[in-house]
Protein backbone atom coordinates (compact mmCIF):
# COMPACT_ATOMS: atom_id res chain seq x y z
CA UNK A 1 -112.01 -33.74 70.77
CA UNK A 2 -112.57 -37.34 70.07
CA UNK A 3 -115.74 -39.21 71.55
CA UNK A 4 -113.08 -41.69 72.73
CA UNK A 5 -112.06 -39.56 75.92
CA UNK A 6 -115.49 -39.29 76.84
CA UNK A 7 -117.80 -41.34 78.82
CA UNK A 8 -121.27 -41.15 77.65
CA UNK A 9 -122.86 -42.25 81.06
CA UNK A 10 -120.72 -39.70 82.92
CA UNK A 11 -123.47 -37.23 83.19
CA UNK A 12 -124.99 -36.75 86.45
CA UNK A 13 -122.26 -39.00 88.04
CA UNK A 14 -121.30 -37.55 91.43
CA UNK A 15 -118.50 -38.81 93.67
CA UNK A 16 -119.49 -40.56 96.67
CA UNK A 17 -118.83 -39.42 100.15
CA UNK A 18 -119.47 -41.23 103.76
CA UNK A 19 -121.37 -38.93 105.76
CA UNK A 20 -121.00 -41.58 108.75
CA UNK A 21 -124.90 -42.24 108.63
CA UNK A 22 -126.29 -44.92 110.72
CA UNK A 23 -128.42 -47.43 109.08
CA UNK A 24 -131.76 -45.84 108.10
CA UNK A 25 -134.10 -47.42 110.49
CA UNK A 26 -131.79 -46.35 113.50
CA UNK A 27 -133.89 -43.74 115.72
CA UNK A 28 -130.75 -41.21 115.04
CA UNK A 29 -130.84 -41.30 111.38
CA UNK A 30 -133.11 -38.07 110.75
CA UNK A 31 -130.97 -36.16 113.53
CA UNK A 32 -127.60 -37.26 111.79
CA UNK A 33 -129.19 -36.49 108.29
CA UNK A 34 -130.00 -33.13 109.38
CA UNK A 35 -126.22 -32.55 110.41
CA UNK A 36 -125.12 -33.80 107.23
CA UNK A 37 -127.17 -31.62 105.43
CA UNK A 38 -126.09 -28.73 107.00
CA UNK A 39 -122.25 -29.38 107.10
CA UNK A 40 -122.62 -30.50 103.07
CA UNK A 41 -123.98 -27.46 102.67
CA UNK A 42 -121.45 -25.40 104.49
CA UNK A 43 -118.96 -26.76 102.06
CA UNK A 44 -120.93 -26.61 98.55
CA UNK A 45 -122.09 -30.57 98.89
CA UNK A 46 -125.73 -30.29 99.22
CA UNK A 47 -126.57 -32.64 96.62
CA UNK A 48 -124.04 -35.13 97.51
CA UNK A 49 -125.57 -35.20 101.08
CA UNK A 50 -129.06 -35.49 99.25
CA UNK A 51 -128.02 -38.46 97.57
CA UNK A 52 -126.54 -40.20 100.61
CA UNK A 53 -129.39 -39.28 103.04
CA UNK A 54 -132.53 -39.86 100.74
CA UNK A 55 -133.78 -36.32 101.91
CA UNK A 56 -133.91 -32.81 100.03
CA UNK A 57 -132.77 -29.63 101.12
CA UNK A 58 -135.92 -28.01 103.34
CA UNK A 59 -137.40 -31.48 104.30
CA UNK A 60 -140.13 -30.82 106.93
CA UNK A 61 -139.22 -34.27 108.80
CA UNK A 62 -136.02 -32.89 109.49
CA UNK A 63 -137.22 -29.42 110.92
CA UNK A 64 -136.97 -30.26 114.45
CA UNK A 65 -133.53 -31.49 114.54
CA UNK A 66 -132.36 -28.49 112.45
CA UNK A 67 -134.14 -26.37 114.72
CA UNK A 68 -131.93 -28.04 117.28
CA UNK A 69 -129.05 -27.54 115.21
CA UNK A 70 -129.73 -23.80 114.84
CA UNK A 71 -130.10 -23.27 118.74
CA UNK A 72 -126.38 -25.05 119.17
CA UNK A 73 -125.31 -22.71 116.29
CA UNK A 74 -126.32 -19.64 118.14
CA UNK A 75 -124.95 -20.40 121.45
CA UNK A 76 -121.45 -21.25 119.52
CA UNK A 77 -121.53 -18.13 117.59
CA UNK A 78 -121.12 -20.36 114.25
CA UNK A 79 -122.50 -17.82 111.97
CA UNK A 80 -122.15 -19.98 108.95
CA UNK A 81 -124.19 -23.04 110.40
CA UNK A 82 -126.69 -20.40 111.82
CA UNK A 83 -127.16 -18.63 108.51
CA UNK A 84 -127.35 -22.39 106.61
CA UNK A 85 -130.11 -23.67 109.60
CA UNK A 86 -132.14 -20.56 108.95
CA UNK A 87 -131.98 -21.01 105.20
CA UNK A 88 -133.47 -24.71 105.73
CA UNK A 89 -136.06 -23.62 107.99
CA UNK A 90 -137.58 -21.17 105.33
């Protein structure tokens, strides 16, 4: 293939997704970021959410929020979200 059709700077480039995150200094940011990471994992976009939130999967600062989401998932019988939350908390 001709190099004319390849972008040298494309490696590592990822699409952008709006996760509806509040400003970073908003007190709700961590709660919304935790939800965004879990919902992104549900559809296989964890890396996009990590980039958008600035948090990596398993971030200890998000643990209380993920625990609350886990309890919510158990009540709602959302098995997939429950599995993802448990995986995050390992």
